[in-house]
C-alpha atoms as a PDB file:
ATOM      1  CA  MET A   1     155.317-188.974  -1.790  1.00  0.00           C
ATOM      2  CA  ASN A   2     155.254-187.716   1.787  1.00  0.00           C
ATOM      3  CA  PHE A   3     151.716-186.376   1.290  1.00  0.00           C
ATOM      4  CA  VAL A   4     150.484-189.733  -0.054  1.00  0.00           C
ATOM      5  CA  ALA A   5     152.012-191.566   2.930  1.00  0.00           C
ATOM      6  CA  GLN A   6     150.263-189.188   5.330  1.00  0.00           C
ATOM      7  CA  MET A   7     146.927-189.676   3.580  1.00  0.00           C
ATOM      8  CA  VAL A   8     147.290-193.457   3.681  1.00  0.00           C
ATOM      9  CA  GLY A   9     148.141-193.202   7.388  1.00  0.00           C
ATOM     10  CA  TRP A  10     145.046-191.113   8.069  1.00  0.00           C
ATOM     11  CA  ILE A  11     142.856-193.501   6.085  1.00  0.00           C
ATOM     12  CA  VAL A  12     144.178-196.441   8.126  1.00  0.00           C
ATOM     13  CA  ILE A  13     143.613-194.594  11.416  1.00  0.00           C
ATOM     14  CA  LEU A  14     140.099-193.510  10.447  1.00  0.00           C
ATOM     15  CA  THR A  15     139.233-197.022   9.287  1.00  0.00           C
ATOM     16  CA  ILE A  16     140.361-198.458  12.631  1.00  0.00           C
ATOM     17  CA  CYS A  17     138.316-195.821  14.496  1.00  0.00           C
ATOM     18  CA  PHE A  18     135.276-196.554  12.355  1.00  0.00           C
ATOM     19  CA  ILE A  19     135.553-200.286  13.032  1.00  0.00           C
ATOM     20  CA  ALA A  20     135.916-199.649  16.778  1.00  0.00           C
ATOM     21  CA  VAL A  21     132.830-197.389  16.868  1.00  0.00           C
ATOM     22  CA  LEU A  22     130.862-199.878  14.783  1.00  0.00           C
ATOM     23  CA  ALA A  23     131.800-202.694  17.179  1.00  0.00           C
ATOM     24  CA  LEU A  24     130.639-200.621  20.171  1.00  0.00           C
ATOM     25  CA  TYR A  25     127.393-199.792  18.386  1.00  0.00           C
ATOM     26  CA  ILE A  26     126.714-203.461  17.641  1.00  0.00           C
ATOM     27  CA  LYS A  27     127.458-204.405  21.266  1.00  0.00           C
ATOM     28  CA  SER A  28     125.054-201.716  22.509  1.00  0.00           C
ATOM     29  CA  ILE A  29     122.315-203.038  20.229  1.00  0.00           C
ATOM     30  CA  GLU A  30     122.841-206.559  21.581  1.00  0.00           C
ATOM     31  CA  TRP A  31     122.783-205.200  25.150  1.00  0.00           C
ATOM     32  CA  CYS A  32     119.494-203.381  24.509  1.00  0.00           C
ATOM     33  CA  LYS A  33     117.943-206.489  22.999  1.00  0.00           C
ATOM     34  CA  ASN A  34     118.949-208.514  26.062  1.00  0.00           C
ATOM     35  CA  CYS A  35     117.501-205.881  28.379  1.00  0.00           C
ATOM     36  CA  PHE A  36     114.243-205.944  26.452  1.00  0.00           C
ATOM     37  CA  LYS A  37     114.116-209.743  26.598  1.00  0.00           C
ATOM     38  CA  ASN A  38     114.657-209.659  30.360  1.00  0.00           C
ATOM     39  CA  ARG A  39     111.938-207.041  30.839  1.00  0.00           C
ATOM     40  CA  LYS A  40     109.608-208.702  28.420  1.00  0.00           C
ATOM     41  CA  GLY A  41     106.602-210.124  30.074  1.00  0.00           C
ATOM     42  CA  LYS A  42     103.195-208.911  30.785  1.00  0.00           C
ATOM     43  CA  LEU A  43     102.730-206.189  33.330  1.00  0.00           C
ATOM     44  CA  MET A  44     100.362-208.469  35.185  1.00  0.00           C
ATOM     45  CA  GLU A  45     103.216-210.932  35.749  1.00  0.00           C
ATOM     46  CA  ARG A  46     105.872-208.558  37.070  1.00  0.00           C
ATOM     47  CA  GLU A  47     106.414-205.461  39.137  1.00  0.00           C
ATOM     48  CA  PRO A  48     106.140-202.218  37.175  1.00  0.00           C
ATOM     49  CA  THR A  49     109.130-199.954  36.701  1.00  0.00           C
ATOM     50  CA  ASN A  50     109.132-196.428  38.115  1.00  0.00           C
ATOM     51  CA  ASP A  51     108.659-195.043  34.602  1.00  0.00           C
ATOM     52  CA  GLU A  52     105.587-197.238  34.100  1.00  0.00           C
ATOM     53  CA  ILE A  53     104.132-196.104  37.425  1.00  0.00           C
ATOM     54  CA  HIS A  54     104.662-192.449  36.533  1.00  0.00           C
ATOM     55  CA  SER A  55     103.101-193.004  33.095  1.00  0.00           C
ATOM     56  CA  ALA A  56     100.066-194.732  34.590  1.00  0.00           C
ATOM     57  CA  CYS A  57      99.579-191.924  37.107  1.00  0.00           C
ATOM     58  CA  LEU A  58      99.863-189.321  34.361  1.00  0.00           C
ATOM     59  CA  TYR A  59      97.305-191.172  32.213  1.00  0.00           C
ATOM     60  CA  TYR A  60      94.955-191.358  35.202  1.00  0.00           C
ATOM     61  CA  ASP A  61      95.343-187.712  36.224  1.00  0.00           C
ATOM     62  CA  HIS A  62      96.889-185.269  33.773  1.00  0.00           C
ATOM     63  CA  SER A  63      97.729-182.882  36.612  1.00  0.00           C
ATOM     64  CA  TYR A  64     100.013-185.537  38.154  1.00  0.00           C
ATOM     65  CA  GLY A  65     103.137-183.620  37.154  1.00  0.00           C
ATOM     66  CA  LEU A  66     101.820-180.492  38.851  1.00  0.00           C
ATOM     67  CA  MET A  67     100.975-182.206  42.165  1.00  0.00           C
ATOM     68  CA  ASP A  68     103.136-181.743  45.224  1.00  0.00           C
ATOM     69  CA  ALA A  69     105.350-184.665  46.223  1.00  0.00           C
ATOM     70  CA  SER A  70     103.024-186.106  48.872  1.00  0.00           C
ATOM     71  CA  LYS A  71     100.041-186.229  46.493  1.00  0.00           C
ATOM     72  CA  ARG A  72     102.177-187.854  43.782  1.00  0.00           C
ATOM     73  CA  GLU A  73     103.430-190.481  46.236  1.00  0.00           C
ATOM     74  CA  HIS A  74      99.859-191.191  47.342  1.00  0.00           C
ATOM     75  CA  LEU A  75      98.686-191.602  43.750  1.00  0.00           C
ATOM     76  CA  GLN A  76     101.661-193.911  43.033  1.00  0.00           C
ATOM     77  CA  PHE A  77     100.712-196.007  46.065  1.00  0.00           C
ATOM     78  CA  VAL A  78      97.099-196.232  44.908  1.00  0.00           C
ATOM     79  CA  ALA A  79      98.205-197.183  41.388  1.00  0.00           C
ATOM     80  CA  LYS A  80     100.410-199.995  42.755  1.00  0.00           C
ATOM     81  CA  GLU A  81      97.558-201.255  44.940  1.00  0.00           C
ATOM     82  CA  TRP A  82      95.204-201.363  41.956  1.00  0.00           C
ATOM     83  CA  LEU A  83      97.807-203.238  39.937  1.00  0.00           C
ATOM     84  CA  ARG A  84      98.228-205.784  42.727  1.00  0.00           C
ATOM     85  CA  SER A  85      94.450-206.188  42.851  1.00  0.00           C
ATOM     86  CA  TRP A  86      94.274-206.819  39.099  1.00  0.00           C
ATOM     87  CA  GLN A  87      97.191-209.261  39.374  1.00  0.00           C
ATOM     88  CA  LYS A  88      95.238-211.211  42.016  1.00  0.00           C
ATOM     89  CA  VAL A  89      92.181-211.296  39.750  1.00  0.00           C
ATOM     90  CA  GLU A  90      94.387-212.578  36.938  1.00  0.00           C
ATOM     91  CA  GLU A  91      95.821-215.309  39.211  1.00  0.00           C
ATOM     92  CA  ASP A  92      92.318-216.375  40.286  1.00  0.00           C
ATOM     93  CA  ASN A  93      91.186-216.727  36.682  1.00  0.00           C
ATOM     94  CA  ARG A  94      94.049-219.007  35.621  1.00  0.00           C
END
């Protein structure tokens, strides 16, 4: 009987842990959805994130990752300036 009681105890503990992990997982999914909603929006209507700037620079010049820091910063600056220019064109055409 002692063995059965221990097994039931472990099942209860594991069930509680499972429910707690599941609740955290569901909360993290909701948090991610909210983050996506807040970031949603066209690139032309908002400032790009650092990741988006790096991606754009890498698409433009595949050696971007191999450049020294000053060249990368210059290319990032140029990319932001081009984006601002396109945003102005978009505003003018509305």
